[in-house]
Amino acid sequence: MVLQYSNPEISVQLNISRNTVKFHLKSIFEKLEVTTRQQAARKVLIE
C-alpha cells in the first residue's frame, strides 16, 4: 500500500483476481478502522 500500487497491479503481481485484492484491502481497512489506503499506511507506520 505504501508504494501506491493499484488493485490491478497488485493482482498481477500476486497472481490473484482484482476482487480478491479488494476483499483483502477491505478486511485490512476494517481491522485498522480506516477507509483509505493513505490512512492505513499512516496508521501502520505511526503505530
Protein backbone atom coordinates (compact mmCIF):
# COMPACT_ATOMS: atom_id res chain seq x y z
CA MET A 1 0.00 0.00 0.00
CA VAL A 2 2.82 2.36 0.78
CA LEU A 3 4.13 2.01 -2.77
CA GLN A 4 0.71 3.04 -4.12
CA TYR A 5 0.11 0.12 -6.45
CA SER A 6 -3.35 -0.05 -7.99
CA ASN A 7 -5.61 -3.03 -7.46
CA PRO A 8 -4.91 -4.34 -10.98
CA GLU A 9 -1.15 -4.02 -10.43
CA ILE A 10 -1.40 -5.88 -7.12
CA SER A 11 -3.50 -8.63 -8.68
CA VAL A 12 -0.95 -9.18 -11.45
CA GLN A 13 2.00 -9.21 -9.04
CA LEU A 14 0.31 -11.71 -6.72
CA ASN A 15 -1.46 -13.67 -9.47
CA ILE A 16 -4.87 -13.23 -7.83
CA SER A 17 -8.11 -11.64 -9.03
CA ARG A 18 -8.91 -7.96 -8.59
CA ASN A 19 -11.87 -8.95 -6.44
CA THR A 20 -9.55 -10.85 -4.10
CA VAL A 21 -7.40 -7.74 -3.76
CA LYS A 22 -10.47 -5.64 -2.96
CA PHE A 23 -11.67 -8.20 -0.42
CA HIS A 24 -8.35 -8.27 1.43
CA LEU A 25 -7.94 -4.49 1.38
CA LYS A 26 -11.44 -4.11 2.80
CA SER A 27 -10.56 -6.55 5.59
CA ILE A 28 -7.35 -4.66 6.34
CA PHE A 29 -9.19 -1.32 6.41
CA GLU A 30 -11.82 -2.71 8.80
CA LYS A 31 -9.19 -4.09 11.17
CA LEU A 32 -7.28 -0.82 11.16
CA GLU A 33 -10.52 1.20 11.41
CA VAL A 34 -9.68 3.32 8.36
CA THR A 35 -11.31 3.95 4.98
CA THR A 36 -8.41 4.73 2.63
CA ARG A 37 -5.01 3.31 1.71
CA GLN A 38 -3.38 6.53 2.82
CA GLN A 39 -4.95 6.30 6.27
CA ALA A 40 -3.95 2.63 6.54
CA ALA A 41 -0.34 3.32 5.59
CA ARG A 42 -0.14 6.24 8.01
CA LYS A 43 -1.61 4.20 10.85
CA VAL A 44 0.75 1.27 10.25
CA LEU A 45 3.83 3.50 10.02
CA ILE A 46 2.96 5.51 13.13
CA GLU A 47 1.90 2.65 15.41
